[in-house]
Amino acid sequence: MLFFKLTLDGIAGMKKRELNQIMKEAWGKAGVLYHQRMLPKRFTEEGARELHYTGRSSQYQRRKKAVRGHNLPFVWTGTTRDMSRFEDIRPYSVGGQGGVRIVTHTRVLNFNPRLLEEFTSMSAAERREIEQLLQKEIEYGIGRARNRRVVNIRG
């Protein structure tokens, strides 16, 4: 009869539950970053240029400027912008894979698929920033966890 004692350290010694918790926390922080720093940019002219929104007709722009006094994207009365300020971030992680759902409560955008696509698009710089945050947070979470598991194998 053979008997082995195997000691697993680091991520190999982690339980799925612990890894899922680390992933959920990391995705939650990514959601907060998006909501606080990236979402408000969608309502600015600079954000429209960075995210390559399709141009609105000159007639629409003139009318909006005359009636509202501005040409901010996704803002007519300001309701959409105000509703998007409510922080509703729902991170999840299952089986070592996760994500985050950020509910913006901007129902008016659901009626126009093109506007919704523009509103939810991300620039390459935003993607990189979120990826870097996720990597940093996951590495920090794994490093902070005390993972040591001893497995006895008999054969």
N, C-alpha and C. Protein backbone atom coordinates (compact mmCIF):
# COMPACT_ATOMS: atom_id res chain seq x y z
N MET A 1 0.85 -1.17 0.00
CA MET A 1 0.00 0.00 0.00
C MET A 1 0.89 1.24 0.00
N LEU A 2 0.55 2.19 -0.87
CA LEU A 2 1.29 3.45 -0.95
C LEU A 2 0.51 4.54 -0.22
N PHE A 3 1.26 5.43 0.37
CA PHE A 3 0.64 6.55 1.07
C PHE A 3 1.41 7.82 0.72
N PHE A 4 0.71 8.81 0.20
CA PHE A 4 1.32 10.09 -0.16
C PHE A 4 0.66 11.19 0.64
N LYS A 5 1.46 12.15 1.00
CA LYS A 5 0.94 13.34 1.65
C LYS A 5 1.33 14.52 0.76
N LEU A 6 0.33 15.16 0.18
CA LEU A 6 0.55 16.24 -0.78
C LEU A 6 0.11 17.56 -0.16
N THR A 7 0.99 18.54 -0.15
CA THR A 7 0.66 19.85 0.38
C THR A 7 0.50 20.83 -0.78
N LEU A 8 -0.66 21.45 -0.86
CA LEU A 8 -0.95 22.41 -1.92
C LEU A 8 -0.94 23.81 -1.32
N ASP A 9 -0.15 24.70 -1.91
CA ASP A 9 -0.06 26.08 -1.46
C ASP A 9 -0.57 27.02 -2.55
N GLY A 10 -0.87 28.26 -2.16
CA GLY A 10 -1.27 29.27 -3.13
C GLY A 10 -2.61 28.98 -3.74
N ILE A 11 -2.72 29.29 -5.02
CA ILE A 11 -4.02 29.13 -5.70
C ILE A 11 -4.40 27.66 -5.82
N ALA A 12 -3.43 26.78 -5.87
CA ALA A 12 -3.73 25.35 -5.97
C ALA A 12 -4.41 24.84 -4.70
N GLY A 13 -4.13 25.48 -3.58
CA GLY A 13 -4.74 25.08 -2.31
C GLY A 13 -6.06 25.77 -2.01
N MET A 14 -6.50 26.60 -2.92
CA MET A 14 -7.73 27.36 -2.71
C MET A 14 -8.97 26.54 -2.96
N LYS A 15 -9.98 26.83 -2.19
CA LYS A 15 -11.28 26.23 -2.44
C LYS A 15 -12.01 27.11 -3.46
N LYS A 16 -12.93 26.50 -4.21
CA LYS A 16 -13.67 27.26 -5.22
C LYS A 16 -14.41 28.43 -4.59
N ARG A 17 -14.95 28.20 -3.42
CA ARG A 17 -15.71 29.25 -2.73
C ARG A 17 -14.84 30.47 -2.47
N GLU A 18 -13.59 30.23 -2.06
CA GLU A 18 -12.67 31.34 -1.78
C GLU A 18 -12.32 32.09 -3.07
N LEU A 19 -12.04 31.35 -4.13
CA LEU A 19 -11.72 31.98 -5.41
C LEU A 19 -12.91 32.78 -5.94
N ASN A 20 -14.11 32.22 -5.82
CA ASN A 20 -15.31 32.93 -6.26
C ASN A 20 -15.51 34.23 -5.48
N GLN A 21 -15.22 34.20 -4.18
CA GLN A 21 -15.36 35.40 -3.37
C GLN A 21 -14.36 36.48 -3.80
N ILE A 22 -13.13 36.07 -4.08
CA ILE A 22 -12.11 37.02 -4.56
C ILE A 22 -12.54 37.61 -5.90
N MET A 23 -13.03 36.77 -6.80
CA MET A 23 -13.48 37.25 -8.11
C MET A 23 -14.66 38.22 -7.97
N LYS A 24 -15.59 37.89 -7.09
CA LYS A 24 -16.76 38.74 -6.90
C LYS A 24 -16.35 40.12 -6.36
N GLU A 25 -15.42 40.14 -5.41
CA GLU A 25 -14.94 41.42 -4.87
C GLU A 25 -14.23 42.23 -5.96
N ALA A 26 -13.42 41.57 -6.77
CA ALA A 26 -12.69 42.27 -7.84
C ALA A 26 -13.67 42.85 -8.86
N TRP A 27 -14.66 42.07 -9.27
CA TRP A 27 -15.65 42.57 -10.22
C TRP A 27 -16.48 43.70 -9.62
N GLY A 28 -16.74 43.63 -8.32
CA GLY A 28 -17.46 44.71 -7.66
C GLY A 28 -16.68 46.02 -7.73
N LYS A 29 -15.37 45.94 -7.51
CA LYS A 29 -14.53 47.14 -7.59
C LYS A 29 -14.45 47.66 -9.02
N ALA A 30 -14.44 46.75 -9.99
CA ALA A 30 -14.45 47.17 -11.40
C ALA A 30 -15.76 47.88 -11.73
N GLY A 31 -16.85 47.39 -11.18
CA GLY A 31 -18.14 48.04 -11.39
C GLY A 31 -18.19 49.44 -10.80
N VAL A 32 -17.61 49.59 -9.62
CA VAL A 32 -17.57 50.92 -8.98
C VAL A 32 -16.71 51.87 -9.81
N LEU A 33 -15.57 51.39 -10.30
CA LEU A 33 -14.71 52.21 -11.16
C LEU A 33 -15.49 52.67 -12.40
N TYR A 34 -16.18 51.75 -13.05
CA TYR A 34 -16.94 52.10 -14.25
C TYR A 34 -18.02 53.13 -13.91
N HIS A 35 -18.75 52.88 -12.84
CA HIS A 35 -19.86 53.75 -12.50
C HIS A 35 -19.40 55.16 -12.11
N GLN A 36 -18.31 55.26 -11.38
CA GLN A 36 -17.87 56.56 -10.89
C GLN A 36 -17.05 57.35 -11.90
N ARG A 37 -16.24 56.66 -12.71
CA ARG A 37 -15.33 57.39 -13.59
C ARG A 37 -15.65 57.30 -15.07
N MET A 38 -16.26 56.20 -15.50
CA MET A 38 -16.47 56.01 -16.93
C MET A 38 -17.89 56.33 -17.38
N LEU A 39 -18.86 56.03 -16.57
CA LEU A 39 -20.26 56.28 -16.94
C LEU A 39 -20.55 57.77 -17.14
N PRO A 40 -20.11 58.67 -16.27
CA PRO A 40 -20.40 60.09 -16.48
C PRO A 40 -19.85 60.64 -17.80
N LYS A 41 -18.79 60.02 -18.31
CA LYS A 41 -18.17 60.46 -19.56
C LYS A 41 -19.13 60.29 -20.74
N ARG A 42 -20.08 59.36 -20.65
CA ARG A 42 -21.01 59.12 -21.74
C ARG A 42 -21.93 60.32 -22.00
N PHE A 43 -22.03 61.21 -21.05
CA PHE A 43 -22.91 62.37 -21.18
C PHE A 43 -22.14 63.65 -21.52
N THR A 44 -20.91 63.52 -22.02
CA THR A 44 -20.11 64.68 -22.38
C THR A 44 -19.74 64.61 -23.86
N GLU A 45 -19.44 65.75 -24.42
CA GLU A 45 -19.03 65.79 -25.83
C GLU A 45 -17.68 65.10 -26.02
N GLU A 46 -16.79 65.23 -25.03
CA GLU A 46 -15.48 64.55 -25.11
C GLU A 46 -15.68 63.03 -25.13
N GLY A 47 -16.59 62.55 -24.29
CA GLY A 47 -16.89 61.13 -24.27
C GLY A 47 -17.46 60.65 -25.59
N ALA A 48 -18.30 61.47 -26.20
CA ALA A 48 -18.89 61.10 -27.49
C ALA A 48 -17.80 60.94 -28.55
N ARG A 49 -16.80 61.83 -28.51
CA ARG A 49 -15.70 61.71 -29.47
C ARG A 49 -14.85 60.47 -29.18
N GLU A 50 -14.54 60.25 -27.90
CA GLU A 50 -13.70 59.10 -27.53
C GLU A 50 -14.38 57.78 -27.86
N LEU A 51 -15.68 57.71 -27.65
CA LEU A 51 -16.41 56.46 -27.85
C LEU A 51 -16.99 56.34 -29.26
N HIS A 52 -16.70 57.32 -30.12
CA HIS A 52 -17.09 57.29 -31.54
C HIS A 52 -18.61 57.14 -31.74
N TYR A 53 -19.37 57.98 -31.04
CA TYR A 53 -20.82 57.98 -31.27
C TYR A 53 -21.09 58.43 -32.70
N THR A 54 -22.15 57.89 -33.29
CA THR A 54 -22.53 58.35 -34.62
C THR A 54 -23.06 59.77 -34.52
N GLY A 55 -22.77 60.56 -35.52
CA GLY A 55 -23.18 61.95 -35.50
C GLY A 55 -24.68 62.11 -35.59
N ARG A 56 -25.21 63.08 -34.90
CA ARG A 56 -26.63 63.40 -35.00
C ARG A 56 -26.81 64.36 -36.17
N SER A 57 -27.99 64.43 -36.71
CA SER A 57 -28.23 65.31 -37.86
C SER A 57 -28.05 66.76 -37.45
N SER A 58 -27.68 67.58 -38.40
CA SER A 58 -27.48 69.00 -38.11
C SER A 58 -28.80 69.65 -37.69
N GLN A 59 -29.90 69.19 -38.27
CA GLN A 59 -31.21 69.72 -37.89
C GLN A 59 -31.50 69.43 -36.42
N TYR A 60 -31.21 68.19 -35.98
CA TYR A 60 -31.42 67.81 -34.57
C TYR A 60 -30.51 68.65 -33.67
N GLN A 61 -29.25 68.80 -34.05
CA GLN A 61 -28.32 69.57 -33.22
C GLN A 61 -28.75 71.03 -33.09
N ARG A 62 -29.20 71.63 -34.19
CA ARG A 62 -29.67 73.03 -34.13
C ARG A 62 -30.90 73.15 -33.22
N ARG A 63 -31.82 72.23 -33.39
CA ARG A 63 -33.05 72.26 -32.58
C ARG A 63 -32.73 72.06 -31.10
N LYS A 64 -31.88 71.11 -30.80
CA LYS A 64 -31.51 70.84 -29.42
C LYS A 64 -30.80 72.05 -28.80
N LYS A 65 -29.90 72.65 -29.55
CA LYS A 65 -29.17 73.82 -29.07
C LYS A 65 -30.15 74.99 -28.81
N ALA A 66 -31.11 75.16 -29.69
CA ALA A 66 -32.07 76.25 -29.54
C ALA A 66 -33.02 76.01 -28.36
N VAL A 67 -33.48 74.77 -28.20
CA VAL A 67 -34.46 74.47 -27.16
C VAL A 67 -33.81 74.27 -25.80
N ARG A 68 -32.71 73.53 -25.77
CA ARG A 68 -32.08 73.15 -24.50
C ARG A 68 -30.81 73.93 -24.16
N GLY A 69 -30.19 74.54 -25.13
CA GLY A 69 -29.00 75.34 -24.87
C GLY A 69 -27.71 74.54 -24.80
N HIS A 70 -27.74 73.29 -25.20
CA HIS A 70 -26.54 72.45 -25.19
C HIS A 70 -26.68 71.35 -26.23
N ASN A 71 -25.57 70.64 -26.46
CA ASN A 71 -25.58 69.49 -27.36
C ASN A 71 -24.96 68.27 -26.68
N LEU A 72 -25.21 68.09 -25.40
CA LEU A 72 -24.67 66.94 -24.68
C LEU A 72 -25.35 65.66 -25.16
N PRO A 73 -24.57 64.60 -25.38
CA PRO A 73 -25.16 63.34 -25.83
C PRO A 73 -26.01 62.69 -24.74
N PHE A 74 -27.08 62.06 -25.12
CA PHE A 74 -28.00 61.34 -24.22
C PHE A 74 -28.69 62.25 -23.21
N VAL A 75 -28.64 63.56 -23.42
CA VAL A 75 -29.28 64.49 -22.49
C VAL A 75 -30.25 65.37 -23.27
N TRP A 76 -31.51 65.24 -22.95
CA TRP A 76 -32.50 66.18 -23.47
C TRP A 76 -33.06 66.94 -22.28
N THR A 77 -33.73 66.23 -21.38
CA THR A 77 -34.23 66.89 -20.17
C THR A 77 -33.29 66.67 -18.99
N GLY A 78 -32.41 65.70 -19.08
CA GLY A 78 -31.49 65.38 -17.99
C GLY A 78 -31.93 64.19 -17.17
N THR A 79 -33.11 63.64 -17.46
CA THR A 79 -33.63 62.51 -16.69
C THR A 79 -32.74 61.28 -16.84
N THR A 80 -32.32 60.98 -18.05
CA THR A 80 -31.46 59.80 -18.27
C THR A 80 -30.16 59.93 -17.50
N ARG A 81 -29.54 61.11 -17.55
CA ARG A 81 -28.29 61.33 -16.82
C ARG A 81 -28.52 61.20 -15.32
N ASP A 82 -29.60 61.78 -14.81
CA ASP A 82 -29.88 61.71 -13.38
C ASP A 82 -30.16 60.28 -12.92
N MET A 83 -30.92 59.53 -13.73
CA MET A 83 -31.24 58.14 -13.35
C MET A 83 -30.00 57.25 -13.38
N SER A 84 -29.03 57.56 -14.24
CA SER A 84 -27.82 56.74 -14.33
C SER A 84 -26.92 56.95 -13.12
N ARG A 85 -27.16 57.97 -12.34
CA ARG A 85 -26.31 58.25 -11.16
C ARG A 85 -26.58 57.32 -9.99
N PHE A 86 -27.73 56.63 -10.00
CA PHE A 86 -28.02 55.68 -8.93
C PHE A 86 -27.09 54.49 -9.07
N GLU A 87 -26.34 54.20 -8.02
CA GLU A 87 -25.35 53.12 -8.08
C GLU A 87 -26.03 51.78 -7.81
N ASP A 88 -26.11 50.96 -8.82
CA ASP A 88 -26.73 49.64 -8.72
C ASP A 88 -25.77 48.65 -9.39
N ILE A 89 -24.83 48.15 -8.61
CA ILE A 89 -23.75 47.29 -9.13
C ILE A 89 -23.96 45.89 -8.57
N ARG A 90 -23.99 44.90 -9.47
CA ARG A 90 -24.28 43.52 -9.07
C ARG A 90 -23.18 42.58 -9.57
N PRO A 91 -22.10 42.40 -8.79
CA PRO A 91 -21.05 41.47 -9.20
C PRO A 91 -21.47 40.02 -8.95
N TYR A 92 -20.92 39.11 -9.75
CA TYR A 92 -21.20 37.69 -9.55
C TYR A 92 -19.96 36.90 -9.93
N SER A 93 -19.85 35.69 -9.38
CA SER A 93 -18.77 34.78 -9.73
C SER A 93 -19.25 33.36 -9.50
N VAL A 94 -19.10 32.54 -10.52
CA VAL A 94 -19.51 31.15 -10.45
C VAL A 94 -18.44 30.32 -11.14
N GLY A 95 -17.93 29.33 -10.46
CA GLY A 95 -16.95 28.42 -11.07
C GLY A 95 -15.66 29.10 -11.48
N GLY A 96 -15.22 30.11 -10.75
CA GLY A 96 -13.98 30.79 -11.07
C GLY A 96 -14.10 31.82 -12.18
N GLN A 97 -15.30 32.00 -12.71
CA GLN A 97 -15.53 33.02 -13.74
C GLN A 97 -16.57 33.98 -13.20
N GLY A 98 -16.39 35.24 -13.54
CA GLY A 98 -17.31 36.22 -12.99
C GLY A 98 -17.59 37.35 -13.93
N GLY A 99 -18.32 38.30 -13.43
CA GLY A 99 -18.66 39.49 -14.18
C GLY A 99 -19.39 40.46 -13.28
N VAL A 100 -19.85 41.52 -13.87
CA VAL A 100 -20.60 42.51 -13.10
C VAL A 100 -21.72 43.05 -13.98
N ARG A 101 -22.85 43.23 -13.38
CA ARG A 101 -23.98 43.84 -14.06
C ARG A 101 -24.18 45.20 -13.44
N ILE A 102 -24.11 46.23 -14.26
CA ILE A 102 -24.30 47.60 -13.79
C ILE A 102 -25.63 48.07 -14.34
N VAL A 103 -26.59 48.24 -13.46
CA VAL A 103 -27.92 48.66 -13.88
C VAL A 103 -27.96 50.18 -13.84
N THR A 104 -28.21 50.79 -14.99
CA THR A 104 -28.16 52.25 -15.07
C THR A 104 -29.54 52.90 -14.98
N HIS A 105 -30.61 52.13 -15.01
CA HIS A 105 -31.97 52.65 -14.89
C HIS A 105 -32.28 53.72 -15.94
N THR A 106 -31.73 53.54 -17.13
CA THR A 106 -31.97 54.47 -18.24
C THR A 106 -32.91 53.79 -19.23
N ARG A 107 -34.17 53.64 -18.82
CA ARG A 107 -35.12 52.88 -19.64
C ARG A 107 -35.36 53.48 -21.00
N VAL A 108 -35.23 54.78 -21.13
CA VAL A 108 -35.53 55.43 -22.41
C VAL A 108 -34.59 54.92 -23.51
N LEU A 109 -33.38 54.49 -23.15
CA LEU A 109 -32.43 54.00 -24.15
C LEU A 109 -32.82 52.63 -24.68
N ASN A 110 -33.70 51.93 -23.97
CA ASN A 110 -34.12 50.60 -24.42
C ASN A 110 -34.99 50.67 -25.67
N PHE A 111 -35.52 51.84 -26.00
CA PHE A 111 -36.40 51.97 -27.15
C PHE A 111 -35.63 52.16 -28.46
N ASN A 112 -34.35 52.46 -28.36
CA ASN A 112 -33.55 52.70 -29.56
C ASN A 112 -32.27 51.85 -29.46
N PRO A 113 -32.20 50.73 -30.18
CA PRO A 113 -31.04 49.84 -30.07
C PRO A 113 -29.71 50.52 -30.41
N ARG A 114 -29.71 51.46 -31.37
CA ARG A 114 -28.48 52.14 -31.74
C ARG A 114 -27.96 53.00 -30.57
N LEU A 115 -28.86 53.71 -29.92
CA LEU A 115 -28.45 54.53 -28.77
C LEU A 115 -27.97 53.66 -27.62
N LEU A 116 -28.64 52.54 -27.38
CA LEU A 116 -28.24 51.64 -26.31
C LEU A 116 -26.85 51.07 -26.59
N GLU A 117 -26.59 50.71 -27.84
CA GLU A 117 -25.28 50.19 -28.20
C GLU A 117 -24.19 51.25 -27.99
N GLU A 118 -24.46 52.48 -28.37
CA GLU A 118 -23.50 53.57 -28.15
C GLU A 118 -23.26 53.78 -26.66
N PHE A 119 -24.33 53.77 -25.90
CA PHE A 119 -24.24 54.05 -24.47
C PHE A 119 -23.43 52.97 -23.74
N THR A 120 -23.57 51.73 -24.15
CA THR A 120 -22.90 50.62 -23.46
C THR A 120 -21.54 50.28 -24.04
N SER A 121 -21.11 50.97 -25.11
CA SER A 121 -19.80 50.67 -25.70
C SER A 121 -18.68 51.13 -24.77
N MET A 122 -17.51 50.52 -24.95
CA MET A 122 -16.34 50.88 -24.14
C MET A 122 -15.17 51.15 -25.07
N SER A 123 -14.36 52.11 -24.68
CA SER A 123 -13.15 52.39 -25.47
C SER A 123 -12.06 51.40 -25.06
N ALA A 124 -11.03 51.31 -25.86
CA ALA A 124 -9.91 50.41 -25.56
C ALA A 124 -9.22 50.83 -24.27
N ALA A 125 -9.12 52.13 -24.04
CA ALA A 125 -8.48 52.63 -22.81
C ALA A 125 -9.29 52.23 -21.57
N GLU A 126 -10.62 52.30 -21.68
CA GLU A 126 -11.47 51.90 -20.55
C GLU A 126 -11.32 50.41 -20.27
N ARG A 127 -11.30 49.62 -21.34
CA ARG A 127 -11.12 48.17 -21.18
C ARG A 127 -9.80 47.84 -20.48
N ARG A 128 -8.73 48.50 -20.94
CA ARG A 128 -7.41 48.27 -20.34
C ARG A 128 -7.42 48.63 -18.86
N GLU A 129 -8.04 49.74 -18.52
CA GLU A 129 -8.08 50.18 -17.13
C GLU A 129 -8.83 49.18 -16.25
N ILE A 130 -9.94 48.66 -16.76
CA ILE A 130 -10.70 47.68 -15.99
C ILE A 130 -9.91 46.37 -15.89
N GLU A 131 -9.27 45.94 -16.97
CA GLU A 131 -8.47 44.71 -16.93
C GLU A 131 -7.33 44.83 -15.93
N GLN A 132 -6.66 45.97 -15.90
CA GLN A 132 -5.57 46.17 -14.95
C GLN A 132 -6.07 46.14 -13.52
N LEU A 133 -7.22 46.77 -13.27
CA LEU A 133 -7.79 46.75 -11.93
C LEU A 133 -8.15 45.33 -11.52
N LEU A 134 -8.79 44.58 -12.43
CA LEU A 134 -9.15 43.19 -12.12
C LEU A 134 -7.93 42.36 -11.80
N GLN A 135 -6.89 42.49 -12.62
CA GLN A 135 -5.67 41.71 -12.39
C GLN A 135 -5.06 42.05 -11.03
N LYS A 136 -4.98 43.34 -10.73
CA LYS A 136 -4.40 43.78 -9.45
C LYS A 136 -5.22 43.25 -8.27
N GLU A 137 -6.53 43.37 -8.35
CA GLU A 137 -7.40 42.95 -7.25
C GLU A 137 -7.39 41.44 -7.06
N ILE A 138 -7.38 40.69 -8.16
CA ILE A 138 -7.36 39.22 -8.04
C ILE A 138 -6.03 38.76 -7.48
N GLU A 139 -4.93 39.33 -7.96
CA GLU A 139 -3.61 38.97 -7.41
C GLU A 139 -3.52 39.32 -5.94
N TYR A 140 -4.05 40.48 -5.57
CA TYR A 140 -4.03 40.89 -4.16
C TYR A 140 -4.86 39.93 -3.32
N GLY A 141 -6.04 39.57 -3.81
CA GLY A 141 -6.91 38.65 -3.07
C GLY A 141 -6.29 37.28 -2.90
N ILE A 142 -5.65 36.77 -3.94
CA ILE A 142 -5.01 35.46 -3.84
C ILE A 142 -3.81 35.52 -2.90
N GLY A 143 -3.05 36.62 -2.98
CA GLY A 143 -1.89 36.77 -2.09
C GLY A 143 -2.29 36.92 -0.64
N ARG A 144 -3.43 37.53 -0.39
CA ARG A 144 -3.87 37.77 0.98
C ARG A 144 -4.48 36.51 1.59
N ALA A 145 -5.00 35.62 0.77
CA ALA A 145 -5.62 34.40 1.28
C ALA A 145 -4.54 33.44 1.80
N ARG A 146 -4.84 32.79 2.89
CA ARG A 146 -3.91 31.80 3.43
C ARG A 146 -4.37 30.43 2.94
N ASN A 147 -3.71 29.98 1.91
CA ASN A 147 -4.15 28.74 1.27
C ASN A 147 -3.11 27.65 1.45
N ARG A 148 -3.43 26.75 2.29
CA ARG A 148 -2.59 25.57 2.45
C ARG A 148 -3.53 24.41 2.74
N ARG A 149 -3.44 23.43 1.88
CA ARG A 149 -4.30 22.28 2.03
C ARG A 149 -3.45 21.03 1.90
N VAL A 150 -3.63 20.12 2.82
CA VAL A 150 -2.91 18.85 2.79
C VAL A 150 -3.87 17.77 2.31
N VAL A 151 -3.43 17.04 1.30
CA VAL A 151 -4.25 15.97 0.71
C VAL A 151 -3.53 14.65 0.95
N ASN A 152 -4.21 13.74 1.58
CA ASN A 152 -3.66 12.40 1.80
C ASN A 152 -4.15 11.47 0.70
N ILE A 153 -3.24 10.79 0.04
CA ILE A 153 -3.57 9.90 -1.06
C ILE A 153 -3.12 8.50 -0.67
N ARG A 154 -4.05 7.58 -0.72
CA ARG A 154 -3.73 6.18 -0.44
C ARG A 154 -4.03 5.35 -1.67
N GLY A 155 -3.17 4.48 -1.98
CA GLY A 155 -3.41 3.65 -3.17
C GLY A 155 -2.89 2.27 -3.02
